[in-house]
Amino acid sequence: MNWNDAILIFIIFVSMAWYVIQPMMGSPISKPSNDENVNAYTRQKIILMDQIKELEMDYEIGTLNKNDFIQQRNQFKRDISTLLQKIKSQTS
């Protein structure tokens, strides 16, 4: 092994070490902004509203009894209410 081989191995080692360590030295993951949170909450609210519509259709078809329908619909409404409160707190 001569000096050229040792230098080449050293350069390859340093390059590989830099490639592995470099992402860890970057900026930390930032928290989502208020707009991103509001958009996420709004999407969740829309999904819950769609689930209420599907639940109502299932009840009208007769695949769901009245007690289950009322219980699940009330839970969806509570979840939507929570999301609306989060949206309101983010926009205030």
PDB file of N, CA and C in Angstrom:
ATOM      1  N   MET A   1       0.843  -1.166   0.000  1.00  0.00           N
ATOM      2  CA  MET A   1       0.000   0.000   0.000  1.00  0.00           C
ATOM      3  C   MET A   1       0.898   1.242   0.000  1.00  0.00           C
ATOM      4  N   ASN A   2       0.650   2.116  -0.944  1.00  0.00           N
ATOM      5  CA  ASN A   2       1.457   3.336  -1.012  1.00  0.00           C
ATOM      6  C   ASN A   2       0.644   4.537  -0.524  1.00  0.00           C
ATOM      7  N   TRP A   3       1.281   5.702  -0.547  1.00  0.00           N
ATOM      8  CA  TRP A   3       0.651   6.915  -0.032  1.00  0.00           C
ATOM      9  C   TRP A   3      -0.585   7.312  -0.830  1.00  0.00           C
ATOM     10  N   ASN A   4      -0.574   7.066  -2.103  1.00  0.00           N
ATOM     11  CA  ASN A   4      -1.733   7.418  -2.940  1.00  0.00           C
ATOM     12  C   ASN A   4      -2.963   6.617  -2.519  1.00  0.00           C
ATOM     13  N   ASP A   5      -2.772   5.345  -2.231  1.00  0.00           N
ATOM     14  CA  ASP A   5      -3.897   4.511  -1.784  1.00  0.00           C
ATOM     15  C   ASP A   5      -4.422   4.978  -0.427  1.00  0.00           C
ATOM     16  N   ALA A   6      -3.530   5.318   0.487  1.00  0.00           N
ATOM     17  CA  ALA A   6      -3.926   5.770   1.809  1.00  0.00           C
ATOM     18  C   ALA A   6      -4.704   7.083   1.726  1.00  0.00           C
ATOM     19  N   ILE A   7      -4.243   7.984   0.887  1.00  0.00           N
ATOM     20  CA  ILE A   7      -4.942   9.271   0.707  1.00  0.00           C
ATOM     21  C   ILE A   7      -6.314   9.047   0.096  1.00  0.00           C
ATOM     22  N   LEU A   8      -6.403   8.167  -0.896  1.00  0.00           N
ATOM     23  CA  LEU A   8      -7.682   7.868  -1.541  1.00  0.00           C
ATOM     24  C   LEU A   8      -8.664   7.239  -0.542  1.00  0.00           C
ATOM     25  N   ILE A   9      -8.195   6.302   0.275  1.00  0.00           N
ATOM     26  CA  ILE A   9      -9.053   5.677   1.288  1.00  0.00           C
ATOM     27  C   ILE A   9      -9.518   6.722   2.308  1.00  0.00           C
ATOM     28  N   PHE A  10      -8.609   7.611   2.712  1.00  0.00           N
ATOM     29  CA  PHE A  10      -8.966   8.657   3.658  1.00  0.00           C
ATOM     30  C   PHE A  10     -10.026   9.590   3.076  1.00  0.00           C
ATOM     31  N   ILE A  11      -9.880   9.979   1.829  1.00  0.00           N
ATOM     32  CA  ILE A  11     -10.852  10.863   1.175  1.00  0.00           C
ATOM     33  C   ILE A  11     -12.212  10.177   1.071  1.00  0.00           C
ATOM     34  N   ILE A  12     -12.229   8.915   0.715  1.00  0.00           N
ATOM     35  CA  ILE A  12     -13.493   8.167   0.622  1.00  0.00           C
ATOM     36  C   ILE A  12     -14.145   8.073   1.991  1.00  0.00           C
ATOM     37  N   PHE A  13     -13.357   7.789   3.027  1.00  0.00           N
ATOM     38  CA  PHE A  13     -13.895   7.681   4.387  1.00  0.00           C
ATOM     39  C   PHE A  13     -14.490   9.008   4.843  1.00  0.00           C
ATOM     40  N   VAL A  14     -13.779  10.101   4.648  1.00  0.00           N
ATOM     41  CA  VAL A  14     -14.274  11.418   5.055  1.00  0.00           C
ATOM     42  C   VAL A  14     -15.541  11.773   4.277  1.00  0.00           C
ATOM     43  N   SER A  15     -15.571  11.474   2.989  1.00  0.00           N
ATOM     44  CA  SER A  15     -16.759  11.762   2.175  1.00  0.00           C
ATOM     45  C   SER A  15     -17.967  10.984   2.666  1.00  0.00           C
ATOM     46  N   MET A  16     -17.770   9.710   2.960  1.00  0.00           N
ATOM     47  CA  MET A  16     -18.887   8.896   3.447  1.00  0.00           C
ATOM     48  C   MET A  16     -19.349   9.371   4.826  1.00  0.00           C
ATOM     49  N   ALA A  17     -18.406   9.720   5.695  1.00  0.00           N
ATOM     50  CA  ALA A  17     -18.778  10.214   7.023  1.00  0.00           C
ATOM     51  C   ALA A  17     -19.561  11.517   6.897  1.00  0.00           C
ATOM     52  N   TRP A  18     -19.129  12.405   6.014  1.00  0.00           N
ATOM     53  CA  TRP A  18     -19.846  13.670   5.805  1.00  0.00           C
ATOM     54  C   TRP A  18     -21.249  13.415   5.267  1.00  0.00           C
ATOM     55  N   TYR A  19     -21.384  12.476   4.352  1.00  0.00           N
ATOM     56  CA  TYR A  19     -22.689  12.147   3.766  1.00  0.00           C
ATOM     57  C   TYR A  19     -23.654  11.636   4.834  1.00  0.00           C
ATOM     58  N   VAL A  20     -23.155  10.879   5.796  1.00  0.00           N
ATOM     59  CA  VAL A  20     -24.000  10.325   6.848  1.00  0.00           C
ATOM     60  C   VAL A  20     -24.331  11.383   7.903  1.00  0.00           C
ATOM     61  N   ILE A  21     -23.367  12.218   8.272  1.00  0.00           N
ATOM     62  CA  ILE A  21     -23.545  13.170   9.360  1.00  0.00           C
ATOM     63  C   ILE A  21     -24.237  14.454   8.902  1.00  0.00           C
ATOM     64  N   GLN A  22     -24.092  14.837   7.670  1.00  0.00           N
ATOM     65  CA  GLN A  22     -24.607  16.111   7.171  1.00  0.00           C
ATOM     66  C   GLN A  22     -26.105  16.312   7.406  1.00  0.00           C
ATOM     67  N   PRO A  23     -26.984  15.333   7.182  1.00  0.00           N
ATOM     68  CA  PRO A  23     -28.407  15.584   7.446  1.00  0.00           C
ATOM     69  C   PRO A  23     -28.707  15.872   8.915  1.00  0.00           C
ATOM     70  N   MET A  24     -27.911  15.321   9.814  1.00  0.00           N
ATOM     71  CA  MET A  24     -28.134  15.554  11.238  1.00  0.00           C
ATOM     72  C   MET A  24     -27.736  16.964  11.655  1.00  0.00           C
ATOM     73  N   MET A  25     -26.937  17.619  10.872  1.00  0.00           N
ATOM     74  CA  MET A  25     -26.478  18.958  11.194  1.00  0.00           C
ATOM     75  C   MET A  25     -27.383  20.032  10.609  1.00  0.00           C
ATOM     76  N   GLY A  26     -28.412  19.635   9.871  1.00  0.00           N
ATOM     77  CA  GLY A  26     -29.329  20.582   9.260  1.00  0.00           C
ATOM     78  C   GLY A  26     -30.232  21.213  10.288  1.00  0.00           C
ATOM     79  N   SER A  27     -31.135  22.030   9.802  1.00  0.00           N
ATOM     80  CA  SER A  27     -32.062  22.708  10.712  1.00  0.00           C
ATOM     81  C   SER A  27     -33.050  21.700  11.281  1.00  0.00           C
ATOM     82  N   PRO A  28     -33.479  21.929  12.519  1.00  0.00           N
ATOM     83  CA  PRO A  28     -34.447  21.013  13.124  1.00  0.00           C
ATOM     84  C   PRO A  28     -35.796  21.119  12.417  1.00  0.00           C
ATOM     85  N   ILE A  29     -36.602  20.098  12.601  1.00  0.00           N
ATOM     86  CA  ILE A  29     -37.922  20.085  11.983  1.00  0.00           C
ATOM     87  C   ILE A  29     -38.751  21.185  12.621  1.00  0.00           C
ATOM     88  N   SER A  30     -39.321  22.012  11.781  1.00  0.00           N
ATOM     89  CA  SER A  30     -40.093  23.137  12.309  1.00  0.00           C
ATOM     90  C   SER A  30     -41.515  22.712  12.624  1.00  0.00           C
ATOM     91  N   LYS A  31     -42.104  23.416  13.571  1.00  0.00           N
ATOM     92  CA  LYS A  31     -43.488  23.142  13.928  1.00  0.00           C
ATOM     93  C   LYS A  31     -44.385  23.671  12.817  1.00  0.00           C
ATOM     94  N   PRO A  32     -45.519  23.009  12.584  1.00  0.00           N
ATOM     95  CA  PRO A  32     -46.412  23.513  11.560  1.00  0.00           C
ATOM     96  C   PRO A  32     -46.959  24.889  11.944  1.00  0.00           C
ATOM     97  N   SER A  33     -47.174  25.707  10.938  1.00  0.00           N
ATOM     98  CA  SER A  33     -47.696  27.045  11.200  1.00  0.00           C
ATOM     99  C   SER A  33     -49.183  26.972  11.534  1.00  0.00           C
ATOM    100  N   ASN A  34     -49.711  28.089  12.005  1.00  0.00           N
ATOM    101  CA  ASN A  34     -51.130  28.137  12.350  1.00  0.00           C
ATOM    102  C   ASN A  34     -52.000  27.836  11.130  1.00  0.00           C
ATOM    103  N   ASP A  35     -51.590  28.344   9.960  1.00  0.00           N
ATOM    104  CA  ASP A  35     -52.375  28.087   8.745  1.00  0.00           C
ATOM    105  C   ASP A  35     -52.419  26.603   8.417  1.00  0.00           C
ATOM    106  N   GLU A  36     -51.287  25.916   8.596  1.00  0.00           N
ATOM    107  CA  GLU A  36     -51.257  24.477   8.339  1.00  0.00           C
ATOM    108  C   GLU A  36     -52.154  23.735   9.323  1.00  0.00           C
ATOM    109  N   ASN A  37     -52.139  24.165  10.588  1.00  0.00           N
ATOM    110  CA  ASN A  37     -53.001  23.540  11.592  1.00  0.00           C
ATOM    111  C   ASN A  37     -54.467  23.757  11.255  1.00  0.00           C
ATOM    112  N   VAL A  38     -54.815  24.991  10.882  1.00  0.00           N
ATOM    113  CA  VAL A  38     -56.206  25.299  10.545  1.00  0.00           C
ATOM    114  C   VAL A  38     -56.644  24.478   9.338  1.00  0.00           C
ATOM    115  N   ASN A  39     -55.776  24.357   8.341  1.00  0.00           N
ATOM    116  CA  ASN A  39     -56.121  23.546   7.162  1.00  0.00           C
ATOM    117  C   ASN A  39     -56.327  22.083   7.538  1.00  0.00           C
ATOM    118  N   ALA A  40     -55.482  21.559   8.418  1.00  0.00           N
ATOM    119  CA  ALA A  40     -55.621  20.166   8.848  1.00  0.00           C
ATOM    120  C   ALA A  40     -56.917  19.972   9.629  1.00  0.00           C
ATOM    121  N   TYR A  41     -57.215  20.906  10.537  1.00  0.00           N
ATOM    122  CA  TYR A  41     -58.462  20.813  11.303  1.00  0.00           C
ATOM    123  C   TYR A  41     -59.678  20.917  10.393  1.00  0.00           C
ATOM    124  N   THR A  42     -59.603  21.781   9.393  1.00  0.00           N
ATOM    125  CA  THR A  42     -60.724  21.940   8.455  1.00  0.00           C
ATOM    126  C   THR A  42     -60.933  20.663   7.656  1.00  0.00           C
ATOM    127  N   ARG A  43     -59.854  20.037   7.213  1.00  0.00           N
ATOM    128  CA  ARG A  43     -59.983  18.767   6.479  1.00  0.00           C
ATOM    129  C   ARG A  43     -60.599  17.694   7.365  1.00  0.00           C
ATOM    130  N   GLN A  44     -60.170  17.636   8.628  1.00  0.00           N
ATOM    131  CA  GLN A  44     -60.739  16.654   9.552  1.00  0.00           C
ATOM    132  C   GLN A  44     -62.225  16.918   9.776  1.00  0.00           C
ATOM    133  N   LYS A  45     -62.593  18.176   9.864  1.00  0.00           N
ATOM    134  CA  LYS A  45     -63.998  18.534  10.060  1.00  0.00           C
ATOM    135  C   LYS A  45     -64.834  18.090   8.867  1.00  0.00           C
ATOM    136  N   ILE A  46     -64.318  18.304   7.663  1.00  0.00           N
ATOM    137  CA  ILE A  46     -65.036  17.889   6.449  1.00  0.00           C
ATOM    138  C   ILE A  46     -65.197  16.378   6.421  1.00  0.00           C
ATOM    139  N   ILE A  47     -64.163  15.656   6.809  1.00  0.00           N
ATOM    140  CA  ILE A  47     -64.234  14.193   6.843  1.00  0.00           C
ATOM    141  C   ILE A  47     -65.298  13.739   7.831  1.00  0.00           C
ATOM    142  N   LEU A  48     -65.334  14.367   9.005  1.00  0.00           N
ATOM    143  CA  LEU A  48     -66.341  14.001  10.005  1.00  0.00           C
ATOM    144  C   LEU A  48     -67.751  14.315   9.516  1.00  0.00           C
ATOM    145  N   MET A  49     -67.909  15.428   8.825  1.00  0.00           N
ATOM    146  CA  MET A  49     -69.233  15.771   8.290  1.00  0.00           C
ATOM    147  C   MET A  49     -69.670  14.751   7.235  1.00  0.00           C
ATOM    148  N   ASP A  50     -68.722  14.306   6.423  1.00  0.00           N
ATOM    149  CA  ASP A  50     -69.034  13.260   5.446  1.00  0.00           C
ATOM    150  C   ASP A  50     -69.413  11.960   6.143  1.00  0.00           C
ATOM    151  N   GLN A  51     -68.749  11.671   7.249  1.00  0.00           N
ATOM    152  CA  GLN A  51     -69.072  10.452   7.992  1.00  0.00           C
ATOM    153  C   GLN A  51     -70.476  10.532   8.592  1.00  0.00           C
ATOM    154  N   ILE A  52     -70.881  11.721   9.014  1.00  0.00           N
ATOM    155  CA  ILE A  52     -72.244  11.895   9.516  1.00  0.00           C
ATOM    156  C   ILE A  52     -73.254  11.635   8.397  1.00  0.00           C
ATOM    157  N   LYS A  53     -72.959  12.130   7.197  1.00  0.00           N
ATOM    158  CA  LYS A  53     -73.857  11.892   6.060  1.00  0.00           C
ATOM    159  C   LYS A  53     -73.976  10.398   5.757  1.00  0.00           C
ATOM    160  N   GLU A  54     -72.843   9.706   5.767  1.00  0.00           N
ATOM    161  CA  GLU A  54     -72.868   8.262   5.526  1.00  0.00           C
ATOM    162  C   GLU A  54     -73.636   7.534   6.631  1.00  0.00           C
ATOM    163  N   LEU A  55     -73.459   7.996   7.853  1.00  0.00           N
ATOM    164  CA  LEU A  55     -74.164   7.410   8.987  1.00  0.00           C
ATOM    165  C   LEU A  55     -75.673   7.587   8.825  1.00  0.00           C
ATOM    166  N   GLU A  56     -76.094   8.769   8.401  1.00  0.00           N
ATOM    167  CA  GLU A  56     -77.517   9.029   8.174  1.00  0.00           C
ATOM    168  C   GLU A  56     -78.067   8.141   7.059  1.00  0.00           C
ATOM    169  N   MET A  57     -77.266   7.941   6.014  1.00  0.00           N
ATOM    170  CA  MET A  57     -77.704   7.061   4.929  1.00  0.00           C
ATOM    171  C   MET A  57     -77.850   5.624   5.422  1.00  0.00           C
ATOM    172  N   ASP A  58     -76.888   5.167   6.227  1.00  0.00           N
ATOM    173  CA  ASP A  58     -76.971   3.813   6.779  1.00  0.00           C
ATOM    174  C   ASP A  58     -78.216   3.654   7.647  1.00  0.00           C
ATOM    175  N   TYR A  59     -78.528   4.688   8.420  1.00  0.00           N
ATOM    176  CA  TYR A  59     -79.716   4.629   9.270  1.00  0.00           C
ATOM    177  C   TYR A  59     -80.993   4.594   8.428  1.00  0.00           C
ATOM    178  N   GLU A  60     -81.034   5.412   7.383  1.00  0.00           N
ATOM    179  CA  GLU A  60     -82.217   5.444   6.517  1.00  0.00           C
ATOM    180  C   GLU A  60     -82.401   4.124   5.774  1.00  0.00           C
ATOM    181  N   ILE A  61     -81.297   3.489   5.397  1.00  0.00           N
ATOM    182  CA  ILE A  61     -81.375   2.199   4.697  1.00  0.00           C
ATOM    183  C   ILE A  61     -81.823   1.107   5.650  1.00  0.00           C
ATOM    184  N   GLY A  62     -81.505   1.266   6.921  1.00  0.00           N
ATOM    185  CA  GLY A  62     -81.899   0.278   7.914  1.00  0.00           C
ATOM    186  C   GLY A  62     -80.779  -0.627   8.359  1.00  0.00           C
ATOM    187  N   THR A  63     -79.542  -0.315   7.996  1.00  0.00           N
ATOM    188  CA  THR A  63     -78.416  -1.153   8.414  1.00  0.00           C
ATOM    189  C   THR A  63     -77.885  -0.762   9.785  1.00  0.00           C
ATOM    190  N   LEU A  64     -78.485   0.273  10.388  1.00  0.00           N
ATOM    191  CA  LEU A  64     -78.020   0.769  11.677  1.00  0.00           C
ATOM    192  C   LEU A  64     -79.238   1.027  12.552  1.00  0.00           C
ATOM    193  N   ASN A  65     -79.197   0.548  13.794  1.00  0.00           N
ATOM    194  CA  ASN A  65     -80.349   0.792  14.673  1.00  0.00           C
ATOM    195  C   ASN A  65     -80.288   2.203  15.241  1.00  0.00           C
ATOM    196  N   LYS A  66     -81.394   2.634  15.796  1.00  0.00           N
ATOM    197  CA  LYS A  66     -81.539   4.025  16.229  1.00  0.00           C
ATOM    198  C   LYS A  66     -80.558   4.398  17.337  1.00  0.00           C
ATOM    199  N   ASN A  67     -80.354   3.525  18.311  1.00  0.00           N
ATOM    200  CA  ASN A  67     -79.448   3.835  19.426  1.00  0.00           C
ATOM    201  C   ASN A  67     -78.005   4.022  18.947  1.00  0.00           C
ATOM    202  N   ASP A  68     -77.545   3.104  18.081  1.00  0.00           N
ATOM    203  CA  ASP A  68     -76.192   3.221  17.536  1.00  0.00           C
ATOM    204  C   ASP A  68     -76.053   4.491  16.707  1.00  0.00           C
ATOM    205  N   PHE A  69     -77.085   4.783  15.918  1.00  0.00           N
ATOM    206  CA  PHE A  69     -77.073   5.981  15.083  1.00  0.00           C
ATOM    207  C   PHE A  69     -76.927   7.230  15.940  1.00  0.00           C
ATOM    208  N   ILE A  70     -77.729   7.347  16.973  1.00  0.00           N
ATOM    209  CA  ILE A  70     -77.694   8.532  17.835  1.00  0.00           C
ATOM    210  C   ILE A  70     -76.354   8.642  18.549  1.00  0.00           C
ATOM    211  N   GLN A  71     -75.865   7.518  19.045  1.00  0.00           N
ATOM    212  CA  GLN A  71     -74.599   7.515  19.773  1.00  0.00           C
ATOM    213  C   GLN A  71     -73.438   7.940  18.857  1.00  0.00           C
ATOM    214  N   GLN A  72     -73.356   7.349  17.678  1.00  0.00           N
ATOM    215  CA  GLN A  72     -72.261   7.674  16.770  1.00  0.00           C
ATOM    216  C   GLN A  72     -72.365   9.107  16.240  1.00  0.00           C
ATOM    217  N   ARG A  73     -73.592   9.547  15.932  1.00  0.00           N
ATOM    218  CA  ARG A  73     -73.773  10.909  15.436  1.00  0.00           C
ATOM    219  C   ARG A  73     -73.372  11.920  16.505  1.00  0.00           C
ATOM    220  N   ASN A  74     -73.752  11.667  17.749  1.00  0.00           N
ATOM    221  CA  ASN A  74     -73.366  12.576  18.830  1.00  0.00           C
ATOM    222  C   ASN A  74     -71.853  12.622  19.016  1.00  0.00           C
ATOM    223  N   GLN A  75     -71.187  11.472  18.872  1.00  0.00           N
ATOM    224  CA  GLN A  75     -69.725  11.452  18.981  1.00  0.00           C
ATOM    225  C   GLN A  75     -69.086  12.268  17.854  1.00  0.00           C
ATOM    226  N   PHE A  76     -69.582  12.102  16.631  1.00  0.00           N
ATOM    227  CA  PHE A  76     -69.066  12.881  15.503  1.00  0.00           C
ATOM    228  C   PHE A  76     -69.281  14.375  15.746  1.00  0.00           C
ATOM    229  N   LYS A  77     -70.436  14.749  16.277  1.00  0.00           N
ATOM    230  CA  LYS A  77     -70.721  16.154  16.542  1.00  0.00           C
ATOM    231  C   LYS A  77     -69.791  16.708  17.625  1.00  0.00           C
ATOM    232  N   ARG A  78     -69.496  15.909  18.645  1.00  0.00           N
ATOM    233  CA  ARG A  78     -68.552  16.346  19.675  1.00  0.00           C
ATOM    234  C   ARG A  78     -67.162  16.553  19.075  1.00  0.00           C
ATOM    235  N   ASP A  79     -66.772  15.622  18.205  1.00  0.00           N
ATOM    236  CA  ASP A  79     -65.465  15.749  17.557  1.00  0.00           C
ATOM    237  C   ASP A  79     -65.399  17.003  16.687  1.00  0.00           C
ATOM    238  N   ILE A  80     -66.468  17.283  15.964  1.00  0.00           N
ATOM    239  CA  ILE A  80     -66.511  18.485  15.136  1.00  0.00           C
ATOM    240  C   ILE A  80     -66.459  19.730  16.012  1.00  0.00           C
ATOM    241  N   SER A  81     -67.161  19.717  17.122  1.00  0.00           N
ATOM    242  CA  SER A  81     -67.146  20.849  18.039  1.00  0.00           C
ATOM    243  C   SER A  81     -65.734  21.108  18.565  1.00  0.00           C
ATOM    244  N   THR A  82     -65.029  20.047  18.893  1.00  0.00           N
ATOM    245  CA  THR A  82     -63.648  20.180  19.363  1.00  0.00           C
ATOM    246  C   THR A  82     -62.773  20.790  18.281  1.00  0.00           C
ATOM    247  N   LEU A  83     -62.945  20.314  17.038  1.00  0.00           N
ATOM    248  CA  LEU A  83     -62.163  20.855  15.930  1.00  0.00           C
ATOM    249  C   LEU A  83     -62.478  22.330  15.703  1.00  0.00           C
ATOM    250  N   LEU A  84     -63.750  22.704  15.794  1.00  0.00           N
ATOM    251  CA  LEU A  84     -64.123  24.104  15.619  1.00  0.00           C
ATOM    252  C   LEU A  84     -63.488  24.978  16.691  1.00  0.00           C
ATOM    253  N   GLN A  85     -63.410  24.476  17.920  1.00  0.00           N
ATOM    254  CA  GLN A  85     -62.751  25.228  18.988  1.00  0.00           C
ATOM    255  C   GLN A  85     -61.261  25.392  18.695  1.00  0.00           C
ATOM    256  N   LYS A  86     -60.637  24.335  18.171  1.00  0.00           N
ATOM    257  CA  LYS A  86     -59.211  24.424  17.822  1.00  0.00           C
ATOM    258  C   LYS A  86     -58.994  25.419  16.695  1.00  0.00           C
ATOM    259  N   ILE A  87     -59.893  25.388  15.699  1.00  0.00           N
ATOM    260  CA  ILE A  87     -59.776  26.338  14.581  1.00  0.00           C
ATOM    261  C   ILE A  87     -59.926  27.760  15.106  1.00  0.00           C
ATOM    262  N   LYS A  88     -60.894  27.981  15.973  1.00  0.00           N
ATOM    263  CA  LYS A  88     -61.132  29.312  16.521  1.00  0.00           C
ATOM    264  C   LYS A  88     -59.926  29.800  17.328  1.00  0.00           C
ATOM    265  N   SER A  89     -59.302  28.908  18.106  1.00  0.00           N
ATOM    266  CA  SER A  89     -58.145  29.311  18.910  1.00  0.00           C
ATOM    267  C   SER A  89     -56.935  29.600  18.031  1.00  0.00           C
ATOM    268  N   GLN A  90     -56.820  28.929  16.887  1.00  0.00           N
ATOM    269  CA  GLN A  90     -55.693  29.155  15.990  1.00  0.00           C
ATOM    270  C   GLN A  90     -55.844  30.468  15.214  1.00  0.00           C
ATOM    271  N   THR A  91     -57.068  30.846  14.917  1.00  0.00           N
ATOM    272  CA  THR A  91     -57.296  32.056  14.130  1.00  0.00           C
ATOM    273  C   THR A  91     -57.414  33.304  15.000  1.00  0.00           C
ATOM    274  N   SER A  92     -57.541  33.136  16.291  1.00  0.00           N
ATOM    275  CA  SER A  92     -57.676  34.310  17.180  1.00  0.00           C
ATOM    276  C   SER A  92     -56.341  34.879  17.537  1.00  0.00           C
TER     277      SER A  92
END
